[in-house]
Amino acid sequence: MTSQLDVLVGMVVTDALKVYDYVQLLFEQDIALNIYNALRLCNGDDLRALNGATLLKVEEKPDTLIFSFSNGQRLDIDLGDDAYNGPEALELNIPGQPTVVWN
């Protein structure tokens, strides 16, 4: 399945941080992915482990997004009804393009 997140494949994470009640992944070219839903970093719990890693693959399943990185890390984002902390699950901001929102 083709995902709007596929634009991130091959990009390097320049910063991964917790901002108040959400997680922000910053990629090359000033691209930002804000994650508002529950998530799980499968090989530890320190988001900084994603810094410098290249996103290799995005799998979009009905209730989960799975991000696989070059350093062996995997980030699972829960899209189930109980995982929502607000109206959006996540938003993708690419300079010069409209914001893409998953809700």
N, C-alpha and C. Protein backbone atom coordinates (compact mmCIF):
# COMPACT_ATOMS: atom_id res chain seq x y z
N MET A 1 0.85 -1.17 0.00
CA MET A 1 0.00 0.00 0.00
C MET A 1 0.90 1.24 0.00
N THR A 2 0.61 2.18 -0.86
CA THR A 2 1.36 3.43 -0.90
C THR A 2 0.83 4.36 0.17
N SER A 3 1.74 4.96 0.90
CA SER A 3 1.38 5.86 1.99
C SER A 3 1.92 7.24 1.69
N GLN A 4 1.25 8.25 2.19
CA GLN A 4 1.77 9.61 2.07
C GLN A 4 3.05 9.77 2.87
N LEU A 5 3.31 8.84 3.77
CA LEU A 5 4.53 8.87 4.57
C LEU A 5 5.74 8.33 3.80
N ASP A 6 5.51 7.73 2.64
CA ASP A 6 6.61 7.18 1.85
C ASP A 6 7.62 8.25 1.45
N VAL A 7 7.22 9.50 1.44
CA VAL A 7 8.14 10.60 1.12
C VAL A 7 9.29 10.65 2.12
N LEU A 8 9.08 10.09 3.32
CA LEU A 8 10.11 10.10 4.36
C LEU A 8 11.14 8.98 4.19
N VAL A 9 10.81 7.96 3.41
CA VAL A 9 11.72 6.83 3.24
C VAL A 9 13.01 7.32 2.58
N GLY A 10 14.13 6.95 3.19
CA GLY A 10 15.44 7.39 2.72
C GLY A 10 15.94 8.65 3.40
N MET A 11 15.08 9.26 4.21
CA MET A 11 15.46 10.48 4.93
C MET A 11 16.11 10.13 6.27
N VAL A 12 17.01 11.01 6.69
CA VAL A 12 17.70 10.85 7.97
C VAL A 12 16.97 11.66 9.04
N VAL A 13 16.78 11.05 10.21
CA VAL A 13 16.21 11.75 11.36
C VAL A 13 17.30 12.68 11.92
N THR A 14 16.99 13.97 11.96
CA THR A 14 17.96 14.93 12.50
C THR A 14 17.72 15.19 13.99
N ASP A 15 16.49 14.94 14.45
CA ASP A 15 16.19 15.08 15.88
C ASP A 15 14.88 14.35 16.18
N ALA A 16 14.83 13.70 17.32
CA ALA A 16 13.63 13.03 17.80
C ALA A 16 13.43 13.47 19.24
N LEU A 17 12.29 14.08 19.51
CA LEU A 17 12.10 14.63 20.85
C LEU A 17 10.65 14.58 21.30
N LYS A 18 10.50 14.59 22.60
CA LYS A 18 9.18 14.67 23.23
C LYS A 18 8.90 16.14 23.49
N VAL A 19 7.77 16.64 22.95
CA VAL A 19 7.37 18.03 23.13
C VAL A 19 6.03 18.03 23.86
N TYR A 20 6.05 18.39 25.14
CA TYR A 20 4.85 18.36 25.97
C TYR A 20 4.18 16.99 25.89
N ASP A 21 3.06 16.88 25.17
CA ASP A 21 2.31 15.62 25.14
C ASP A 21 2.36 14.92 23.78
N TYR A 22 3.35 15.25 22.95
CA TYR A 22 3.50 14.57 21.67
C TYR A 22 4.98 14.39 21.34
N VAL A 23 5.23 13.57 20.32
CA VAL A 23 6.59 13.31 19.86
C VAL A 23 6.78 13.96 18.51
N GLN A 24 7.93 14.55 18.31
CA GLN A 24 8.25 15.19 17.04
C GLN A 24 9.51 14.55 16.46
N LEU A 25 9.38 14.07 15.22
CA LEU A 25 10.53 13.58 14.48
C LEU A 25 10.88 14.62 13.43
N LEU A 26 12.10 15.10 13.46
CA LEU A 26 12.57 16.07 12.47
C LEU A 26 13.48 15.33 11.50
N PHE A 27 13.23 15.55 10.22
CA PHE A 27 14.00 14.90 9.16
C PHE A 27 14.76 15.96 8.37
N GLU A 28 15.62 15.46 7.48
CA GLU A 28 16.31 16.34 6.55
C GLU A 28 15.29 17.22 5.82
N GLN A 29 15.77 18.31 5.24
CA GLN A 29 14.94 19.22 4.44
C GLN A 29 13.83 19.88 5.25
N ASP A 30 14.05 20.03 6.56
CA ASP A 30 13.10 20.70 7.46
C ASP A 30 11.72 20.05 7.49
N ILE A 31 11.67 18.76 7.30
CA ILE A 31 10.42 18.02 7.36
C ILE A 31 10.17 17.60 8.82
N ALA A 32 8.94 17.79 9.28
CA ALA A 32 8.57 17.45 10.65
C ALA A 32 7.37 16.51 10.66
N LEU A 33 7.46 15.48 11.49
CA LEU A 33 6.34 14.58 11.71
C LEU A 33 5.99 14.67 13.19
N ASN A 34 4.78 15.16 13.47
CA ASN A 34 4.28 15.26 14.85
C ASN A 34 3.37 14.07 15.11
N ILE A 35 3.68 13.35 16.18
CA ILE A 35 2.94 12.12 16.52
C ILE A 35 2.20 12.36 17.83
N TYR A 36 0.87 12.35 17.76
CA TYR A 36 0.04 12.63 18.93
C TYR A 36 -0.50 11.36 19.57
N ASN A 37 -0.54 10.27 18.84
CA ASN A 37 -1.08 9.01 19.36
C ASN A 37 -0.04 8.26 20.17
N ALA A 38 -0.52 7.22 20.84
CA ALA A 38 0.37 6.33 21.59
C ALA A 38 1.34 5.68 20.61
N LEU A 39 2.58 5.50 21.09
CA LEU A 39 3.60 4.88 20.24
C LEU A 39 4.49 4.01 21.09
N ARG A 40 5.28 3.19 20.39
CA ARG A 40 6.20 2.30 21.09
C ARG A 40 7.47 2.20 20.28
N LEU A 41 8.59 2.47 20.91
CA LEU A 41 9.91 2.27 20.31
C LEU A 41 10.31 0.85 20.70
N CYS A 42 10.44 -0.02 19.72
CA CYS A 42 10.54 -1.46 20.00
C CYS A 42 11.89 -1.90 20.56
N ASN A 43 12.95 -1.17 20.35
CA ASN A 43 14.27 -1.59 20.85
C ASN A 43 14.79 -0.59 21.87
N GLY A 44 14.00 -0.34 22.90
CA GLY A 44 14.37 0.63 23.93
C GLY A 44 13.30 1.70 24.03
N ASP A 45 13.56 2.70 24.87
CA ASP A 45 12.56 3.75 25.04
C ASP A 45 13.13 5.15 24.90
N ASP A 46 14.38 5.26 24.46
CA ASP A 46 15.02 6.57 24.30
C ASP A 46 14.89 7.02 22.85
N LEU A 47 14.06 8.02 22.62
CA LEU A 47 13.83 8.52 21.26
C LEU A 47 15.11 9.00 20.59
N ARG A 48 16.08 9.43 21.39
CA ARG A 48 17.33 9.92 20.80
C ARG A 48 18.05 8.84 20.00
N ALA A 49 17.67 7.58 20.22
CA ALA A 49 18.27 6.48 19.44
C ALA A 49 17.94 6.60 17.96
N LEU A 50 16.91 7.38 17.64
CA LEU A 50 16.54 7.58 16.23
C LEU A 50 17.39 8.65 15.54
N ASN A 51 18.06 9.49 16.32
CA ASN A 51 18.87 10.56 15.74
C ASN A 51 19.96 9.98 14.85
N GLY A 52 20.02 10.46 13.62
CA GLY A 52 21.03 10.01 12.67
C GLY A 52 20.65 8.77 11.90
N ALA A 53 19.54 8.14 12.24
CA ALA A 53 19.10 6.93 11.55
C ALA A 53 18.31 7.30 10.29
N THR A 54 18.44 6.48 9.28
CA THR A 54 17.69 6.65 8.04
C THR A 54 16.42 5.81 8.12
N LEU A 55 15.30 6.40 7.71
CA LEU A 55 14.04 5.65 7.66
C LEU A 55 14.08 4.75 6.43
N LEU A 56 14.00 3.45 6.67
CA LEU A 56 14.10 2.47 5.58
C LEU A 56 12.74 2.09 4.99
N LYS A 57 11.73 2.05 5.86
CA LYS A 57 10.44 1.54 5.41
C LYS A 57 9.32 2.05 6.30
N VAL A 58 8.16 2.30 5.69
CA VAL A 58 6.94 2.64 6.43
C VAL A 58 5.88 1.63 6.02
N GLU A 59 5.30 0.96 7.00
CA GLU A 59 4.18 0.05 6.74
C GLU A 59 2.94 0.67 7.37
N GLU A 60 1.91 0.81 6.56
CA GLU A 60 0.65 1.39 7.05
C GLU A 60 -0.39 0.28 7.10
N LYS A 61 -0.73 -0.11 8.33
CA LYS A 61 -1.74 -1.14 8.55
C LYS A 61 -2.99 -0.47 9.11
N PRO A 62 -4.12 -1.15 9.13
CA PRO A 62 -5.36 -0.51 9.60
C PRO A 62 -5.25 0.15 10.97
N ASP A 63 -4.56 -0.49 11.92
CA ASP A 63 -4.49 0.05 13.28
C ASP A 63 -3.08 0.43 13.72
N THR A 64 -2.10 0.37 12.81
CA THR A 64 -0.71 0.63 13.20
C THR A 64 0.09 1.17 12.03
N LEU A 65 0.98 2.11 12.34
CA LEU A 65 2.02 2.53 11.41
C LEU A 65 3.33 1.98 11.95
N ILE A 66 4.13 1.37 11.09
CA ILE A 66 5.40 0.79 11.51
C ILE A 66 6.52 1.46 10.73
N PHE A 67 7.44 2.10 11.46
CA PHE A 67 8.60 2.75 10.87
C PHE A 67 9.84 1.92 11.19
N SER A 68 10.58 1.51 10.18
CA SER A 68 11.81 0.73 10.36
C SER A 68 13.00 1.59 9.97
N PHE A 69 14.02 1.62 10.85
CA PHE A 69 15.17 2.50 10.67
C PHE A 69 16.45 1.71 10.43
N SER A 70 17.44 2.40 9.87
CA SER A 70 18.71 1.79 9.48
C SER A 70 19.52 1.26 10.67
N ASN A 71 19.27 1.75 11.86
CA ASN A 71 20.02 1.30 13.04
C ASN A 71 19.32 0.16 13.78
N GLY A 72 18.32 -0.44 13.15
CA GLY A 72 17.60 -1.56 13.76
C GLY A 72 16.43 -1.16 14.62
N GLN A 73 16.24 0.13 14.83
CA GLN A 73 15.11 0.60 15.63
C GLN A 73 13.81 0.46 14.84
N ARG A 74 12.73 0.26 15.57
CA ARG A 74 11.40 0.23 14.97
C ARG A 74 10.47 1.05 15.85
N LEU A 75 9.68 1.90 15.22
CA LEU A 75 8.72 2.74 15.92
C LEU A 75 7.33 2.35 15.45
N ASP A 76 6.48 1.92 16.38
CA ASP A 76 5.10 1.56 16.07
C ASP A 76 4.18 2.64 16.61
N ILE A 77 3.32 3.16 15.75
CA ILE A 77 2.34 4.18 16.14
C ILE A 77 0.96 3.53 16.11
N ASP A 78 0.29 3.58 17.23
CA ASP A 78 -1.03 2.97 17.38
C ASP A 78 -2.09 3.88 16.76
N LEU A 79 -2.87 3.34 15.82
CA LEU A 79 -3.96 4.10 15.20
C LEU A 79 -5.33 3.61 15.66
N GLY A 80 -5.34 2.75 16.67
CA GLY A 80 -6.61 2.26 17.21
C GLY A 80 -7.36 3.37 17.92
N ASP A 81 -8.65 3.20 18.07
CA ASP A 81 -9.51 4.23 18.68
C ASP A 81 -9.04 4.66 20.06
N ASP A 82 -8.54 3.73 20.87
CA ASP A 82 -8.11 4.06 22.23
C ASP A 82 -6.78 4.78 22.30
N ALA A 83 -6.06 4.86 21.18
CA ALA A 83 -4.72 5.46 21.17
C ALA A 83 -4.74 6.97 20.98
N TYR A 84 -5.89 7.52 20.62
CA TYR A 84 -5.97 8.95 20.32
C TYR A 84 -5.93 9.78 21.60
N ASN A 85 -5.08 10.82 21.59
CA ASN A 85 -5.00 11.77 22.69
C ASN A 85 -5.69 13.09 22.33
N GLY A 86 -6.12 13.20 21.11
CA GLY A 86 -6.77 14.41 20.60
C GLY A 86 -7.40 14.09 19.26
N PRO A 87 -7.75 15.10 18.49
CA PRO A 87 -8.45 14.86 17.23
C PRO A 87 -7.55 14.27 16.13
N GLU A 88 -6.24 14.50 16.19
CA GLU A 88 -5.34 13.98 15.17
C GLU A 88 -4.46 12.87 15.73
N ALA A 89 -4.10 11.94 14.87
CA ALA A 89 -3.13 10.90 15.23
C ALA A 89 -1.72 11.43 14.99
N LEU A 90 -1.52 12.04 13.83
CA LEU A 90 -0.23 12.63 13.49
C LEU A 90 -0.40 13.63 12.37
N GLU A 91 0.65 14.44 12.18
CA GLU A 91 0.64 15.40 11.09
C GLU A 91 2.04 15.49 10.51
N LEU A 92 2.05 15.62 9.17
CA LEU A 92 3.30 15.70 8.43
C LEU A 92 3.41 17.09 7.83
N ASN A 93 4.52 17.76 8.15
CA ASN A 93 4.76 19.12 7.64
C ASN A 93 5.99 19.11 6.75
N ILE A 94 5.76 19.38 5.46
CA ILE A 94 6.83 19.47 4.47
C ILE A 94 6.82 20.91 3.94
N PRO A 95 7.94 21.62 4.04
CA PRO A 95 7.97 23.01 3.57
C PRO A 95 7.46 23.13 2.13
N GLY A 96 6.58 24.11 1.93
CA GLY A 96 6.04 24.38 0.60
C GLY A 96 4.89 23.49 0.18
N GLN A 97 4.45 22.57 1.06
CA GLN A 97 3.33 21.69 0.74
C GLN A 97 2.29 21.79 1.85
N PRO A 98 1.04 21.46 1.51
CA PRO A 98 0.01 21.47 2.55
C PRO A 98 0.30 20.43 3.64
N THR A 99 -0.08 20.75 4.86
CA THR A 99 0.06 19.82 5.98
C THR A 99 -0.85 18.63 5.75
N VAL A 100 -0.33 17.44 6.02
CA VAL A 100 -1.13 16.22 5.91
C VAL A 100 -1.44 15.77 7.33
N VAL A 101 -2.73 15.53 7.61
CA VAL A 101 -3.18 15.15 8.95
C VAL A 101 -3.88 13.80 8.90
N TRP A 102 -3.53 12.94 9.84
CA TRP A 102 -4.23 11.65 10.00
C TRP A 102 -5.15 11.81 11.20
N ASN A 103 -6.45 11.56 10.99
CA ASN A 103 -7.39 11.60 12.12
C ASN A 103 -8.37 10.48 12.04
